[in-house]
Protein backbone atom coordinates (compact mmCIF):
# COMPACT_ATOMS: atom_id res chain seq x y z
CA UNK A 1 58.97 31.65 -2.66
CA UNK A 2 56.69 34.60 -2.14
CA UNK A 3 54.93 36.38 -4.98
CA UNK A 4 53.00 39.55 -4.20
CA UNK A 5 49.79 40.34 -6.04
CA UNK A 6 48.76 43.90 -5.38
CA UNK A 7 45.23 45.21 -5.59
CA UNK A 8 44.52 46.64 -9.02
CA UNK A 9 47.15 44.54 -10.79
CA UNK A 10 46.76 44.23 -14.53
CA UNK A 11 45.83 41.02 -16.33
CA UNK A 12 49.39 40.69 -17.65
CA UNK A 13 50.89 40.94 -14.15
CA UNK A 14 48.51 38.26 -12.87
CA UNK A 15 49.41 35.96 -15.78
CA UNK A 16 53.13 36.43 -15.07
CA UNK A 17 52.62 35.47 -11.42
CA UNK A 18 50.63 32.37 -12.35
CA UNK A 19 53.39 31.31 -14.77
CA UNK A 20 56.02 31.70 -12.05
CA UNK A 21 53.95 29.55 -9.70
CA UNK A 22 53.62 26.76 -12.26
CA UNK A 23 57.39 26.59 -12.86
CA UNK A 24 58.21 25.79 -9.22
CA UNK A 25 58.67 22.06 -8.68
CA UNK A 26 58.33 20.41 -5.32
CA UNK A 27 59.52 17.20 -3.78
CA UNK A 28 57.55 14.03 -4.41
CA UNK A 29 56.91 12.90 -0.83
CA UNK A 30 54.64 10.03 -1.83
CA UNK A 31 57.63 7.89 -2.79
CA UNK A 32 58.83 7.97 0.83
CA UNK A 33 55.48 7.02 2.38
CA UNK A 34 55.66 3.92 4.59
CA UNK A 35 59.41 3.37 4.18
CA UNK A 36 60.42 4.09 7.78
CA UNK A 37 60.15 1.25 10.26
CA UNK A 38 59.42 2.70 13.71
CA UNK A 39 59.95 0.94 17.03
CA UNK A 40 57.63 3.37 18.80
CA UNK A 41 54.12 4.68 18.22
CA UNK A 42 54.22 7.84 16.03
CA UNK A 43 51.85 9.66 18.36
CA UNK A 44 54.15 8.97 21.32
CA UNK A 45 57.09 10.36 19.34
CA UNK A 46 55.14 13.56 18.57
CA UNK A 47 54.17 14.02 22.22
CA UNK A 48 57.85 13.91 23.26
């Protein structure tokens, strides 16, 4: 999502943009941390 804030925007416009940014929910990636069992070194995989 891209929100454009133009130079000279009013206080109300800035508040509306900040409200739109707060509504957006992301994915909780922490719950997936350490769950994959790799047979190879991660750095070697990245270099491929």
